[in-house]
């Protein structure tokens, strides 16, 4: 069992944090290049906040590694 409590954020918040458009996020999800959503209702999804934060950190790391070469 995990000690840390995970927090869910709604799709709108995930899009806002990642500065992505809905259609592009769905495309990235389909390509397994974006965190997988969690279905929380018949027409609602959410994301694990730490997974979105890790995705953002990975994009920053990619940028920094490209600039270092």
N, C-alpha and C. Protein backbone atom coordinates (compact mmCIF):
# COMPACT_ATOMS: atom_id res chain seq x y z
N UNK A 1 0.83 -1.19 0.00
CA UNK A 1 0.00 0.00 0.00
C UNK A 1 0.88 1.25 0.00
N UNK A 2 0.46 2.24 -0.72
CA UNK A 2 1.22 3.47 -0.81
C UNK A 2 0.97 4.35 0.41
N UNK A 3 2.03 5.00 0.87
CA UNK A 3 1.89 5.94 1.97
C UNK A 3 1.37 7.28 1.46
N UNK A 4 1.81 7.65 0.26
CA UNK A 4 1.44 8.94 -0.31
C UNK A 4 0.06 8.86 -0.94
N UNK A 5 -0.78 9.83 -0.64
CA UNK A 5 -2.09 9.90 -1.26
C UNK A 5 -1.96 10.60 -2.61
N UNK A 6 -2.47 9.95 -3.63
CA UNK A 6 -2.45 10.54 -4.97
C UNK A 6 -3.67 11.44 -5.14
N UNK A 7 -3.49 12.50 -5.89
CA UNK A 7 -4.57 13.44 -6.14
C UNK A 7 -4.95 13.35 -7.62
N UNK A 8 -6.24 13.34 -7.89
CA UNK A 8 -6.72 13.35 -9.26
C UNK A 8 -7.03 14.78 -9.67
N UNK A 9 -6.70 15.08 -10.92
CA UNK A 9 -7.07 16.39 -11.49
C UNK A 9 -7.92 16.14 -12.72
N UNK A 10 -8.84 17.03 -12.98
CA UNK A 10 -9.72 16.83 -14.13
C UNK A 10 -8.99 17.12 -15.44
N UNK A 11 -9.62 16.75 -16.54
CA UNK A 11 -9.02 16.88 -17.86
C UNK A 11 -8.67 18.34 -18.15
N UNK A 12 -9.55 19.24 -17.80
CA UNK A 12 -9.32 20.66 -18.05
C UNK A 12 -8.05 21.15 -17.35
N UNK A 13 -7.87 20.73 -16.11
CA UNK A 13 -6.67 21.10 -15.35
C UNK A 13 -5.42 20.49 -15.97
N UNK A 14 -5.51 19.23 -16.40
CA UNK A 14 -4.37 18.58 -17.05
C UNK A 14 -3.99 19.31 -18.33
N UNK A 15 -4.99 19.70 -19.11
CA UNK A 15 -4.72 20.44 -20.34
C UNK A 15 -4.10 21.80 -20.03
N UNK A 16 -4.60 22.45 -19.02
CA UNK A 16 -4.08 23.75 -18.63
C UNK A 16 -2.62 23.64 -18.19
N UNK A 17 -2.33 22.65 -17.37
CA UNK A 17 -0.95 22.48 -16.87
C UNK A 17 0.03 22.14 -17.98
N UNK A 18 -0.41 21.32 -18.93
CA UNK A 18 0.49 20.87 -19.99
C UNK A 18 0.44 21.78 -21.22
N UNK A 19 -0.48 22.73 -21.21
CA UNK A 19 -0.64 23.67 -22.32
C UNK A 19 -0.90 22.92 -23.63
N UNK A 20 -1.72 21.87 -23.54
CA UNK A 20 -2.07 21.07 -24.71
C UNK A 20 -3.54 21.26 -25.04
N UNK A 21 -3.86 21.08 -26.28
CA UNK A 21 -5.25 21.09 -26.72
C UNK A 21 -5.84 19.69 -26.54
N UNK A 22 -7.15 19.63 -26.38
CA UNK A 22 -7.83 18.36 -26.12
C UNK A 22 -7.55 17.33 -27.21
N UNK A 23 -7.66 17.71 -28.47
CA UNK A 23 -7.45 16.76 -29.56
C UNK A 23 -6.02 16.22 -29.57
N UNK A 24 -5.04 17.08 -29.28
CA UNK A 24 -3.64 16.64 -29.26
C UNK A 24 -3.40 15.72 -28.06
N UNK A 25 -3.99 16.02 -26.92
CA UNK A 25 -3.84 15.17 -25.75
C UNK A 25 -4.40 13.77 -26.05
N UNK A 26 -5.57 13.70 -26.69
CA UNK A 26 -6.14 12.40 -27.04
C UNK A 26 -5.22 11.64 -28.00
N UNK A 27 -4.62 12.34 -28.93
CA UNK A 27 -3.69 11.70 -29.86
C UNK A 27 -2.47 11.16 -29.11
N UNK A 28 -1.93 11.94 -28.19
CA UNK A 28 -0.79 11.49 -27.39
C UNK A 28 -1.16 10.30 -26.51
N UNK A 29 -2.36 10.31 -25.94
CA UNK A 29 -2.83 9.19 -25.13
C UNK A 29 -2.89 7.93 -25.99
N UNK A 30 -3.42 8.06 -27.20
CA UNK A 30 -3.54 6.94 -28.12
C UNK A 30 -2.16 6.36 -28.46
N UNK A 31 -1.16 7.23 -28.53
CA UNK A 31 0.21 6.83 -28.85
C UNK A 31 1.01 6.43 -27.60
N UNK A 32 0.36 6.38 -26.45
CA UNK A 32 1.02 6.09 -25.17
C UNK A 32 2.15 7.07 -24.87
N UNK A 33 1.95 8.33 -25.24
CA UNK A 33 2.95 9.37 -24.99
C UNK A 33 2.43 10.43 -24.01
N UNK A 34 1.35 10.11 -23.31
CA UNK A 34 0.73 11.01 -22.34
C UNK A 34 0.16 10.11 -21.24
N UNK A 35 0.11 10.58 -20.01
CA UNK A 35 -0.42 9.73 -18.94
C UNK A 35 -1.82 9.21 -19.26
N UNK A 36 -2.06 7.99 -18.84
CA UNK A 36 -3.37 7.37 -19.09
C UNK A 36 -4.43 7.98 -18.18
N UNK A 37 -5.58 8.27 -18.74
CA UNK A 37 -6.66 8.83 -17.92
C UNK A 37 -7.34 7.76 -17.08
N UNK A 38 -8.03 8.22 -16.06
CA UNK A 38 -8.84 7.36 -15.20
C UNK A 38 -10.29 7.77 -15.40
N UNK A 39 -11.12 6.80 -15.74
CA UNK A 39 -12.54 7.09 -15.94
C UNK A 39 -13.20 7.29 -14.57
N UNK A 40 -13.81 8.46 -14.38
CA UNK A 40 -14.43 8.75 -13.08
C UNK A 40 -15.95 8.91 -13.19
N UNK A 41 -16.46 8.78 -14.38
CA UNK A 41 -17.89 8.88 -14.61
C UNK A 41 -18.19 8.42 -16.02
N UNK A 42 -19.46 8.45 -16.40
CA UNK A 42 -19.82 7.97 -17.72
C UNK A 42 -19.22 8.82 -18.84
N UNK A 43 -18.97 10.10 -18.55
CA UNK A 43 -18.39 10.98 -19.56
C UNK A 43 -17.26 11.84 -19.00
N UNK A 44 -16.63 11.36 -17.94
CA UNK A 44 -15.60 12.15 -17.29
C UNK A 44 -14.33 11.33 -17.08
N UNK A 45 -13.19 12.00 -17.28
CA UNK A 45 -11.90 11.38 -17.00
C UNK A 45 -11.10 12.32 -16.12
N UNK A 46 -10.13 11.74 -15.44
CA UNK A 46 -9.22 12.52 -14.61
C UNK A 46 -7.83 11.92 -14.78
N UNK A 47 -6.85 12.61 -14.25
CA UNK A 47 -5.46 12.16 -14.34
C UNK A 47 -4.84 12.21 -12.96
N UNK A 48 -3.86 11.33 -12.74
CA UNK A 48 -3.12 11.37 -11.49
C UNK A 48 -2.17 12.57 -11.57
N UNK A 49 -2.28 13.45 -10.62
CA UNK A 49 -1.52 14.70 -10.64
C UNK A 49 -0.01 14.44 -10.77
N UNK A 50 0.51 13.49 -10.02
CA UNK A 50 1.96 13.23 -10.06
C UNK A 50 2.40 12.72 -11.44
N UNK A 51 1.52 12.02 -12.16
CA UNK A 51 1.85 11.54 -13.51
C UNK A 51 1.91 12.70 -14.49
N UNK A 52 1.01 13.66 -14.34
CA UNK A 52 1.05 14.85 -15.19
C UNK A 52 2.31 15.66 -14.89
N UNK A 53 2.64 15.81 -13.61
CA UNK A 53 3.85 16.53 -13.22
C UNK A 53 5.10 15.83 -13.78
N UNK A 54 5.12 14.49 -13.73
CA UNK A 54 6.26 13.74 -14.26
C UNK A 54 6.36 13.91 -15.78
N UNK A 55 5.22 13.96 -16.46
CA UNK A 55 5.21 14.16 -17.91
C UNK A 55 5.82 15.53 -18.25
N UNK A 56 5.43 16.54 -17.49
CA UNK A 56 5.98 17.88 -17.70
C UNK A 56 7.49 17.87 -17.45
N UNK A 57 7.91 17.24 -16.35
CA UNK A 57 9.34 17.16 -16.03
C UNK A 57 10.12 16.45 -17.14
N UNK A 58 9.53 15.42 -17.73
CA UNK A 58 10.18 14.69 -18.82
C UNK A 58 10.34 15.58 -20.06
N UNK A 59 9.34 16.41 -20.35
CA UNK A 59 9.45 17.32 -21.49
C UNK A 59 10.58 18.33 -21.26
N UNK A 60 10.71 18.81 -20.02
CA UNK A 60 11.79 19.74 -19.68
C UNK A 60 13.14 19.05 -19.82
N UNK A 61 13.23 17.82 -19.33
CA UNK A 61 14.48 17.07 -19.44
C UNK A 61 14.86 16.82 -20.90
N UNK A 62 13.87 16.51 -21.74
CA UNK A 62 14.13 16.34 -23.18
C UNK A 62 14.69 17.61 -23.78
N UNK A 63 14.07 18.72 -23.44
CA UNK A 63 14.54 20.01 -23.95
C UNK A 63 15.98 20.26 -23.52
N UNK A 64 16.26 20.03 -22.26
CA UNK A 64 17.59 20.30 -21.73
C UNK A 64 18.64 19.38 -22.30
N UNK A 65 18.29 18.12 -22.58
CA UNK A 65 19.26 17.19 -23.13
C UNK A 65 19.55 17.52 -24.59
N UNK A 66 18.57 18.01 -25.32
CA UNK A 66 18.79 18.41 -26.71
C UNK A 66 19.69 19.63 -26.76
N UNK A 67 19.46 20.57 -25.86
CA UNK A 67 20.26 21.80 -25.82
C UNK A 67 21.69 21.55 -25.38
N UNK A 68 21.92 20.46 -24.64
CA UNK A 68 23.26 20.17 -24.13
C UNK A 68 24.15 19.55 -25.19
N UNK A 69 23.56 18.99 -26.24
CA UNK A 69 24.35 18.33 -27.29
C UNK A 69 24.88 19.28 -28.29
